[in-house]
Each structure stands twice: as C-alpha cells, then as structure tokens.
Amino acid sequence: MRLYCVRHCEALSSDVDPERGLSEQGLLDAAKLAEHIKQQNIIIPTVMHSGIKRAAQTAESIAASCGSEEVIADRELLDDQADVLRVVDAIKTWTRDTVLVGHMPYMSNLVSVLVMDADDGVNPHLLTYAPGTMVCLARSAEGRWVIDWIIKPENLQ
C-alpha cells in the first residue's frame, strides 16, 4: 500500500480571500502535481482532504488525474489541529492507496510519526513541507512505513 501525503498548494492571504483558496501559483502547482501523477500512470483510488478550501482544491486537481473513485472531506482526521494519532490508527486498517491533503504542521507530523514509528505522536519534524509538496510513503510487508519519494511543484516542468 502507498500513502501520498500532500500539503495543499499555495493559498491566497485571508486579506484577499477570507476562505484562503489557492492562489494563481497554487492552481498552477496543483495542475503540475496532477500532470506528474498522470504521466507516471499512478492510480490512487481514494483522495481525502481536510474540507478546507485550499486543501479541497488541491485534492480535486489530484483526484482528476489519478483515477480516483472517491474524494472524501474529513475535517476530523485532517484538519491542521486534528490529532495525528487518529489518522495513524485509521491507516492501519486501510488496504487501498490513498492521497491525504492537509496542512502544516499536521502533514509533517503525520509523516514523522509514520516513518519514525512513534506511539506518542510527538516527533521532531522529519522534513519541511513547502506548499504543494507530495511525499509518497510505502508500507512494507512488515507494516513499516518508508519514504519512497518526495516531489515539489518547483521540481516539475
């Protein structure tokens, strides 16, 4: 199983858009990520996001390119203030490749907890997450998570 952990793409400031939707650059970056997934023939059945506008917009762009069968908004699991351990427990039962689109510091904490196998949910940040960064985690036969690859929109054509 693979888990694709994505920080939403660049958002507008709350002065410009109180809902903080994606900026023009954010929309371009979401399209770049989507195109990369399509070119790599990556099929991801489930896409989940926090339900917040910028995460939803990023998730919708990705879902359109990866053959997604369902797009789920779940603020309880993916809000930036949510308990990371709740989604870690949920992931243990998942069998389908899934994209998770969320926020900072949540996404960095999630990747750190999964890769460093911490039970308390408290870890130093394993990596920085620029807007639009996608981290692909692969679960081994033993159930351990490892980072397979990381891509940032700035590294895509």
N, C-alpha and C. Protein backbone atom coordinates (compact mmCIF):
# COMPACT_ATOMS: atom_id res chain seq x y z
N MET A 1 0.84 -1.18 0.00
CA MET A 1 0.00 0.00 0.00
C MET A 1 0.88 1.24 0.00
N ARG A 2 0.40 2.26 -0.68
CA ARG A 2 1.09 3.56 -0.70
C ARG A 2 0.17 4.63 -0.13
N LEU A 3 0.80 5.57 0.52
CA LEU A 3 0.11 6.72 1.09
C LEU A 3 0.81 7.96 0.54
N TYR A 4 0.04 8.84 -0.06
CA TYR A 4 0.58 10.07 -0.65
C TYR A 4 0.15 11.22 0.25
N CYS A 5 1.10 11.81 0.96
CA CYS A 5 0.83 12.88 1.92
C CYS A 5 1.18 14.21 1.27
N VAL A 6 0.17 15.06 1.10
CA VAL A 6 0.33 16.30 0.35
C VAL A 6 -0.04 17.49 1.22
N ARG A 7 0.83 18.48 1.21
CA ARG A 7 0.44 19.77 1.78
C ARG A 7 -0.25 20.55 0.66
N HIS A 8 -1.37 21.17 0.98
CA HIS A 8 -2.09 21.95 -0.03
C HIS A 8 -1.14 22.92 -0.73
N CYS A 9 -1.48 23.28 -1.94
CA CYS A 9 -0.66 24.23 -2.71
C CYS A 9 -0.84 25.64 -2.16
N GLU A 10 -0.05 26.56 -2.70
CA GLU A 10 -0.02 27.94 -2.21
C GLU A 10 -1.40 28.57 -2.18
N ALA A 11 -1.72 29.19 -1.05
CA ALA A 11 -3.04 29.80 -0.86
C ALA A 11 -2.94 31.33 -0.84
N LEU A 12 -4.07 31.93 -1.12
CA LEU A 12 -4.19 33.39 -1.01
C LEU A 12 -4.18 33.79 0.46
N SER A 13 -3.81 35.02 0.73
CA SER A 13 -3.88 35.52 2.10
C SER A 13 -5.34 35.73 2.47
N SER A 14 -5.62 35.77 3.75
CA SER A 14 -7.00 35.97 4.20
C SER A 14 -7.50 37.38 3.87
N ASP A 15 -6.57 38.33 3.63
CA ASP A 15 -6.96 39.67 3.21
C ASP A 15 -7.57 39.65 1.82
N VAL A 16 -7.05 38.81 0.96
CA VAL A 16 -7.52 38.70 -0.43
C VAL A 16 -8.73 37.79 -0.52
N ASP A 17 -8.69 36.67 0.20
CA ASP A 17 -9.77 35.68 0.18
C ASP A 17 -9.94 35.13 1.59
N PRO A 18 -11.01 35.50 2.29
CA PRO A 18 -11.21 35.02 3.66
C PRO A 18 -11.22 33.49 3.78
N GLU A 19 -11.57 32.79 2.71
CA GLU A 19 -11.58 31.32 2.75
C GLU A 19 -10.22 30.73 2.40
N ARG A 20 -9.29 31.58 1.94
CA ARG A 20 -7.92 31.21 1.60
C ARG A 20 -7.85 30.11 0.55
N GLY A 21 -8.55 30.32 -0.55
CA GLY A 21 -8.44 29.40 -1.68
C GLY A 21 -7.06 29.48 -2.30
N LEU A 22 -6.81 28.64 -3.28
CA LEU A 22 -5.50 28.62 -3.92
C LEU A 22 -5.23 29.91 -4.70
N SER A 23 -4.00 30.33 -4.66
CA SER A 23 -3.55 31.48 -5.45
C SER A 23 -3.38 31.02 -6.89
N GLU A 24 -3.06 31.96 -7.77
CA GLU A 24 -2.79 31.59 -9.16
C GLU A 24 -1.64 30.59 -9.23
N GLN A 25 -0.57 30.85 -8.46
CA GLN A 25 0.55 29.92 -8.42
C GLN A 25 0.12 28.58 -7.84
N GLY A 26 -0.71 28.61 -6.81
CA GLY A 26 -1.21 27.38 -6.21
C GLY A 26 -2.00 26.53 -7.20
N LEU A 27 -2.83 27.18 -8.01
CA LEU A 27 -3.59 26.46 -9.04
C LEU A 27 -2.66 25.85 -10.07
N LEU A 28 -1.62 26.61 -10.46
CA LEU A 28 -0.63 26.08 -11.41
C LEU A 28 0.12 24.89 -10.81
N ASP A 29 0.50 25.01 -9.54
CA ASP A 29 1.24 23.93 -8.88
C ASP A 29 0.37 22.69 -8.72
N ALA A 30 -0.90 22.86 -8.40
CA ALA A 30 -1.81 21.71 -8.29
C ALA A 30 -1.94 21.02 -9.64
N ALA A 31 -1.99 21.80 -10.70
CA ALA A 31 -2.05 21.22 -12.05
C ALA A 31 -0.76 20.47 -12.38
N LYS A 32 0.39 21.01 -11.95
CA LYS A 32 1.67 20.33 -12.17
C LYS A 32 1.70 18.98 -11.46
N LEU A 33 1.28 18.96 -10.20
CA LEU A 33 1.23 17.70 -9.46
C LEU A 33 0.32 16.70 -10.16
N ALA A 34 -0.85 17.17 -10.56
CA ALA A 34 -1.81 16.30 -11.25
C ALA A 34 -1.22 15.75 -12.54
N GLU A 35 -0.56 16.58 -13.29
CA GLU A 35 0.03 16.14 -14.56
C GLU A 35 1.16 15.12 -14.30
N HIS A 36 1.95 15.35 -13.27
CA HIS A 36 3.02 14.41 -12.93
C HIS A 36 2.43 13.04 -12.59
N ILE A 37 1.39 13.02 -11.79
CA ILE A 37 0.74 11.76 -11.41
C ILE A 37 0.20 11.05 -12.66
N LYS A 38 -0.41 11.82 -13.53
CA LYS A 38 -0.96 11.25 -14.77
C LYS A 38 0.15 10.67 -15.64
N GLN A 39 1.24 11.40 -15.81
CA GLN A 39 2.35 10.94 -16.65
C GLN A 39 3.00 9.67 -16.08
N GLN A 40 2.99 9.54 -14.78
CA GLN A 40 3.59 8.37 -14.13
C GLN A 40 2.62 7.18 -14.07
N ASN A 41 1.40 7.38 -14.58
CA ASN A 41 0.36 6.34 -14.55
C ASN A 41 0.08 5.84 -13.13
N ILE A 42 0.07 6.77 -12.20
CA ILE A 42 -0.21 6.44 -10.80
C ILE A 42 -1.72 6.44 -10.60
N ILE A 43 -2.26 5.32 -10.17
CA ILE A 43 -3.68 5.19 -9.89
C ILE A 43 -3.85 5.19 -8.37
N ILE A 44 -4.69 6.11 -7.88
CA ILE A 44 -4.92 6.22 -6.44
C ILE A 44 -6.43 6.25 -6.22
N PRO A 45 -7.00 5.17 -5.72
CA PRO A 45 -8.46 5.07 -5.60
C PRO A 45 -9.12 6.09 -4.67
N THR A 46 -8.43 6.47 -3.60
CA THR A 46 -9.05 7.33 -2.60
C THR A 46 -8.24 8.61 -2.39
N VAL A 47 -8.94 9.73 -2.40
CA VAL A 47 -8.33 11.02 -2.10
C VAL A 47 -9.11 11.63 -0.94
N MET A 48 -8.40 11.97 0.12
CA MET A 48 -9.02 12.60 1.29
C MET A 48 -8.39 13.96 1.52
N HIS A 49 -9.21 14.90 2.01
CA HIS A 49 -8.71 16.23 2.34
C HIS A 49 -9.42 16.76 3.57
N SER A 50 -8.93 17.87 4.07
CA SER A 50 -9.44 18.43 5.33
C SER A 50 -10.80 19.11 5.20
N GLY A 51 -11.25 19.35 3.99
CA GLY A 51 -12.51 20.09 3.81
C GLY A 51 -12.31 21.59 3.76
N ILE A 52 -11.11 22.05 4.03
CA ILE A 52 -10.80 23.47 3.93
C ILE A 52 -10.51 23.78 2.46
N LYS A 53 -10.95 24.94 2.00
CA LYS A 53 -10.96 25.26 0.57
C LYS A 53 -9.65 24.97 -0.15
N ARG A 54 -8.52 25.42 0.39
CA ARG A 54 -7.25 25.24 -0.31
C ARG A 54 -6.86 23.76 -0.41
N ALA A 55 -7.17 22.98 0.61
CA ALA A 55 -6.90 21.54 0.57
C ALA A 55 -7.85 20.86 -0.40
N ALA A 56 -9.12 21.27 -0.38
CA ALA A 56 -10.12 20.68 -1.29
C ALA A 56 -9.74 20.94 -2.75
N GLN A 57 -9.31 22.17 -3.06
CA GLN A 57 -8.92 22.49 -4.43
C GLN A 57 -7.71 21.67 -4.88
N THR A 58 -6.74 21.51 -4.01
CA THR A 58 -5.56 20.70 -4.32
C THR A 58 -5.98 19.25 -4.54
N ALA A 59 -6.81 18.73 -3.65
CA ALA A 59 -7.27 17.34 -3.74
C ALA A 59 -8.07 17.08 -5.01
N GLU A 60 -8.93 18.01 -5.38
CA GLU A 60 -9.75 17.84 -6.59
C GLU A 60 -8.89 17.77 -7.84
N SER A 61 -7.84 18.58 -7.89
CA SER A 61 -6.93 18.56 -9.03
C SER A 61 -6.22 17.21 -9.12
N ILE A 62 -5.75 16.72 -7.99
CA ILE A 62 -5.06 15.42 -7.95
C ILE A 62 -6.03 14.30 -8.31
N ALA A 63 -7.22 14.33 -7.73
CA ALA A 63 -8.21 13.26 -7.97
C ALA A 63 -8.57 13.14 -9.44
N ALA A 64 -8.61 14.26 -10.14
CA ALA A 64 -8.97 14.25 -11.56
C ALA A 64 -7.92 13.55 -12.41
N SER A 65 -6.71 13.39 -11.88
CA SER A 65 -5.62 12.83 -12.69
C SER A 65 -5.22 11.41 -12.30
N CYS A 66 -5.72 10.91 -11.18
CA CYS A 66 -5.21 9.63 -10.68
C CYS A 66 -6.24 8.51 -10.69
N GLY A 67 -7.33 8.69 -11.40
CA GLY A 67 -8.34 7.64 -11.47
C GLY A 67 -9.05 7.41 -10.16
N SER A 68 -9.16 8.44 -9.36
CA SER A 68 -9.78 8.32 -8.05
C SER A 68 -11.24 7.90 -8.15
N GLU A 69 -11.62 6.98 -7.28
CA GLU A 69 -13.01 6.52 -7.21
C GLU A 69 -13.81 7.31 -6.20
N GLU A 70 -13.11 7.92 -5.24
CA GLU A 70 -13.81 8.70 -4.22
C GLU A 70 -12.93 9.82 -3.69
N VAL A 71 -13.57 10.95 -3.42
CA VAL A 71 -12.91 12.10 -2.81
C VAL A 71 -13.69 12.38 -1.53
N ILE A 72 -12.98 12.36 -0.41
CA ILE A 72 -13.62 12.46 0.89
C ILE A 72 -13.09 13.68 1.64
N ALA A 73 -13.99 14.49 2.15
CA ALA A 73 -13.62 15.59 3.04
C ALA A 73 -13.79 15.09 4.47
N ASP A 74 -12.72 15.15 5.26
CA ASP A 74 -12.77 14.67 6.64
C ASP A 74 -11.98 15.61 7.54
N ARG A 75 -12.67 16.61 8.03
CA ARG A 75 -12.01 17.61 8.87
C ARG A 75 -11.55 17.00 10.20
N GLU A 76 -12.29 16.03 10.71
CA GLU A 76 -11.91 15.43 11.99
C GLU A 76 -10.56 14.72 11.91
N LEU A 77 -10.25 14.13 10.76
CA LEU A 77 -8.97 13.43 10.61
C LEU A 77 -7.86 14.33 10.11
N LEU A 78 -8.17 15.32 9.26
CA LEU A 78 -7.11 16.02 8.53
C LEU A 78 -6.98 17.51 8.78
N ASP A 79 -7.77 18.06 9.66
CA ASP A 79 -7.61 19.48 9.99
C ASP A 79 -6.23 19.70 10.63
N ASP A 80 -5.68 20.89 10.44
CA ASP A 80 -4.33 21.14 10.97
C ASP A 80 -4.25 21.00 12.49
N GLN A 81 -5.38 21.06 13.19
CA GLN A 81 -5.40 20.91 14.64
C GLN A 81 -5.81 19.50 15.08
N ALA A 82 -6.06 18.62 14.13
CA ALA A 82 -6.51 17.26 14.45
C ALA A 82 -5.38 16.44 15.09
N ASP A 83 -5.78 15.42 15.81
CA ASP A 83 -4.83 14.51 16.44
C ASP A 83 -4.28 13.55 15.39
N VAL A 84 -3.00 13.62 15.13
CA VAL A 84 -2.34 12.79 14.12
C VAL A 84 -2.54 11.31 14.42
N LEU A 85 -2.55 10.94 15.67
CA LEU A 85 -2.67 9.52 16.02
C LEU A 85 -4.01 8.92 15.60
N ARG A 86 -5.04 9.74 15.46
CA ARG A 86 -6.33 9.23 14.98
C ARG A 86 -6.21 8.72 13.55
N VAL A 87 -5.54 9.47 12.69
CA VAL A 87 -5.38 9.01 11.31
C VAL A 87 -4.37 7.87 11.23
N VAL A 88 -3.37 7.86 12.09
CA VAL A 88 -2.41 6.76 12.12
C VAL A 88 -3.15 5.46 12.44
N ASP A 89 -4.05 5.49 13.41
CA ASP A 89 -4.85 4.31 13.75
C ASP A 89 -5.75 3.91 12.59
N ALA A 90 -6.36 4.87 11.94
CA ALA A 90 -7.25 4.57 10.80
C ALA A 90 -6.47 3.93 9.66
N ILE A 91 -5.29 4.44 9.39
CA ILE A 91 -4.47 3.95 8.28
C ILE A 91 -4.13 2.47 8.45
N LYS A 92 -4.01 2.01 9.67
CA LYS A 92 -3.68 0.61 9.93
C LYS A 92 -4.68 -0.35 9.31
N THR A 93 -5.90 0.12 9.09
CA THR A 93 -6.93 -0.76 8.54
C THR A 93 -7.11 -0.58 7.03
N TRP A 94 -6.45 0.40 6.43
CA TRP A 94 -6.63 0.69 5.01
C TRP A 94 -5.83 -0.29 4.16
N THR A 95 -6.39 -0.62 3.01
CA THR A 95 -5.69 -1.50 2.08
C THR A 95 -5.49 -0.85 0.71
N ARG A 96 -6.16 0.27 0.47
CA ARG A 96 -6.08 0.94 -0.84
C ARG A 96 -5.14 2.13 -0.78
N ASP A 97 -4.41 2.34 -1.87
CA ASP A 97 -3.58 3.54 -1.97
C ASP A 97 -4.46 4.76 -1.76
N THR A 98 -3.93 5.73 -1.02
CA THR A 98 -4.73 6.90 -0.63
C THR A 98 -3.88 8.15 -0.65
N VAL A 99 -4.48 9.25 -1.11
CA VAL A 99 -3.88 10.58 -1.02
C VAL A 99 -4.51 11.28 0.17
N LEU A 100 -3.69 11.90 1.00
CA LEU A 100 -4.16 12.74 2.10
C LEU A 100 -3.67 14.15 1.83
N VAL A 101 -4.59 15.11 1.76
CA VAL A 101 -4.21 16.51 1.52
C VAL A 101 -4.57 17.31 2.76
N GLY A 102 -3.56 17.94 3.34
CA GLY A 102 -3.78 18.68 4.57
C GLY A 102 -2.87 19.89 4.68
N HIS A 103 -2.51 20.20 5.92
CA HIS A 103 -1.89 21.47 6.26
C HIS A 103 -0.63 21.23 7.10
N MET A 104 0.05 22.33 7.38
CA MET A 104 1.20 22.29 8.29
C MET A 104 0.72 22.76 9.66
N PRO A 105 1.26 22.24 10.72
CA PRO A 105 2.33 21.26 10.80
C PRO A 105 1.83 19.81 10.72
N TYR A 106 0.54 19.64 10.52
CA TYR A 106 -0.07 18.31 10.55
C TYR A 106 0.61 17.32 9.62
N MET A 107 0.82 17.69 8.34
CA MET A 107 1.36 16.73 7.38
C MET A 107 2.78 16.31 7.76
N SER A 108 3.59 17.25 8.20
CA SER A 108 4.95 16.91 8.62
C SER A 108 4.91 15.98 9.84
N ASN A 109 4.02 16.28 10.78
CA ASN A 109 3.88 15.43 11.96
C ASN A 109 3.45 14.02 11.56
N LEU A 110 2.49 13.92 10.64
CA LEU A 110 2.00 12.62 10.21
C LEU A 110 3.12 11.78 9.60
N VAL A 111 3.85 12.35 8.67
CA VAL A 111 4.93 11.62 8.03
C VAL A 111 5.98 11.22 9.07
N SER A 112 6.31 12.12 9.97
CA SER A 112 7.30 11.82 11.02
C SER A 112 6.85 10.66 11.89
N VAL A 113 5.60 10.68 12.32
CA VAL A 113 5.08 9.62 13.19
C VAL A 113 5.08 8.27 12.46
N LEU A 114 4.64 8.27 11.19
CA LEU A 114 4.59 7.01 10.44
C LEU A 114 5.99 6.44 10.18
N VAL A 115 6.90 7.28 9.73
CA VAL A 115 8.23 6.80 9.36
C VAL A 115 9.08 6.49 10.59
N MET A 116 8.95 7.30 11.62
CA MET A 116 9.77 7.11 12.81
C MET A 116 9.09 6.18 13.82
N ASP A 117 7.88 5.72 13.50
CA ASP A 117 7.15 4.72 14.28
C ASP A 117 6.99 5.12 15.74
N ALA A 118 6.54 6.34 15.98
CA ALA A 118 6.36 6.82 17.35
C ALA A 118 4.93 6.57 17.81
N ASP A 119 4.78 6.13 19.04
CA ASP A 119 3.45 5.85 19.58
C ASP A 119 2.81 7.07 20.22
N ASP A 120 3.61 8.07 20.57
CA ASP A 120 3.06 9.20 21.31
C ASP A 120 2.64 10.36 20.42
N GLY A 121 2.92 10.29 19.14
CA GLY A 121 2.51 11.35 18.22
C GLY A 121 3.37 12.59 18.30
N VAL A 122 4.43 12.53 19.10
CA VAL A 122 5.31 13.68 19.25
C VAL A 122 6.65 13.33 18.63
N ASN A 123 6.99 14.05 17.58
CA ASN A 123 8.24 13.81 16.87
C ASN A 123 8.80 15.12 16.38
N PRO A 124 10.11 15.18 16.26
CA PRO A 124 10.65 16.34 15.55
C PRO A 124 10.21 16.23 14.09
N HIS A 125 10.11 17.34 13.44
CA HIS A 125 9.72 17.30 12.03
C HIS A 125 10.82 16.62 11.23
N LEU A 126 10.44 15.60 10.51
CA LEU A 126 11.37 14.84 9.70
C LEU A 126 11.75 15.62 8.45
N LEU A 127 10.81 16.42 7.94
CA LEU A 127 11.05 17.19 6.73
C LEU A 127 10.22 18.46 6.73
N THR A 128 10.66 19.41 5.93
CA THR A 128 9.86 20.61 5.75
C THR A 128 8.91 20.37 4.59
N TYR A 129 7.79 21.00 4.65
CA TYR A 129 6.75 20.80 3.65
C TYR A 129 6.42 22.13 3.00
N ALA A 130 7.05 22.43 1.88
CA ALA A 130 6.67 23.63 1.13
C ALA A 130 5.27 23.39 0.57
N PRO A 131 4.51 24.44 0.29
CA PRO A 131 3.19 24.24 -0.31
C PRO A 131 3.28 23.39 -1.58
N GLY A 132 2.38 22.41 -1.68
CA GLY A 132 2.31 21.55 -2.85
C GLY A 132 3.23 20.35 -2.82
N THR A 133 3.98 20.17 -1.74
CA THR A 133 4.88 19.02 -1.64
C THR A 133 4.07 17.74 -1.48
N MET A 134 4.49 16.69 -2.20
CA MET A 134 3.87 15.37 -2.08
C MET A 134 4.94 14.38 -1.65
N VAL A 135 4.65 13.65 -0.57
CA VAL A 135 5.53 12.61 -0.07
C VAL A 135 4.83 11.28 -0.28
N CYS A 136 5.50 10.37 -0.97
CA CYS A 136 4.94 9.03 -1.19
C CYS A 136 5.56 8.09 -0.16
N LEU A 137 4.71 7.51 0.67
CA LEU A 137 5.14 6.52 1.65
C LEU A 137 4.69 5.14 1.19
N ALA A 138 5.55 4.16 1.37
CA ALA A 138 5.20 2.78 1.03
C ALA A 138 5.23 1.96 2.31
N ARG A 139 4.23 1.09 2.45
CA ARG A 139 4.18 0.21 3.63
C ARG A 139 4.79 -1.13 3.25
N SER A 140 5.77 -1.54 4.01
CA SER A 140 6.45 -2.81 3.74
C SER A 140 5.57 -3.98 4.18
N ALA A 141 5.99 -5.18 3.81
CA ALA A 141 5.26 -6.39 4.20
C ALA A 141 5.20 -6.52 5.72
N GLU A 142 6.19 -5.95 6.40
CA GLU A 142 6.22 -5.99 7.87
C GLU A 142 5.38 -4.90 8.50
N GLY A 143 4.80 -4.02 7.68
CA GLY A 143 3.95 -2.95 8.18
C GLY A 143 4.66 -1.66 8.50
N ARG A 144 5.94 -1.55 8.19
CA ARG A 144 6.69 -0.32 8.44
C ARG A 144 6.52 0.63 7.26
N TRP A 145 6.49 1.92 7.54
CA TRP A 145 6.38 2.95 6.51
C TRP A 145 7.75 3.49 6.18
N VAL A 146 8.02 3.65 4.88
CA VAL A 146 9.27 4.26 4.43
C VAL A 146 8.94 5.31 3.38
N ILE A 147 9.78 6.32 3.29
CA ILE A 147 9.61 7.34 2.26
C ILE A 147 10.10 6.75 0.95
N ASP A 148 9.22 6.67 -0.03
CA ASP A 148 9.59 6.16 -1.36
C ASP A 148 10.12 7.30 -2.22
N TRP A 149 9.42 8.43 -2.24
CA TRP A 149 9.88 9.60 -2.97
C TRP A 149 9.18 10.86 -2.48
N ILE A 150 9.78 12.00 -2.81
CA ILE A 150 9.22 13.32 -2.47
C ILE A 150 9.31 14.19 -3.72
N ILE A 151 8.25 14.92 -4.00
CA ILE A 151 8.27 15.85 -5.14
C ILE A 151 7.65 17.18 -4.71
N LYS A 152 8.26 18.25 -5.21
CA LYS A 152 7.74 19.60 -5.00
C LYS A 152 7.38 20.17 -6.36
N PRO A 153 6.35 20.98 -6.44
CA PRO A 153 5.95 21.55 -7.73
C PRO A 153 7.10 22.27 -8.44
N GLU A 154 7.98 22.91 -7.69
CA GLU A 154 9.09 23.64 -8.30
C GLU A 154 10.05 22.71 -9.05
N ASN A 155 10.01 21.41 -8.74
CA ASN A 155 10.87 20.45 -9.42
C ASN A 155 10.20 19.83 -10.65
N LEU A 156 9.00 20.24 -10.94
CA LEU A 156 8.25 19.72 -12.09
C LEU A 156 8.23 20.75 -13.21
N GLN A 157 8.17 20.28 -14.44
CA GLN A 157 8.14 21.20 -15.60
C GLN A 157 6.82 21.93 -15.66
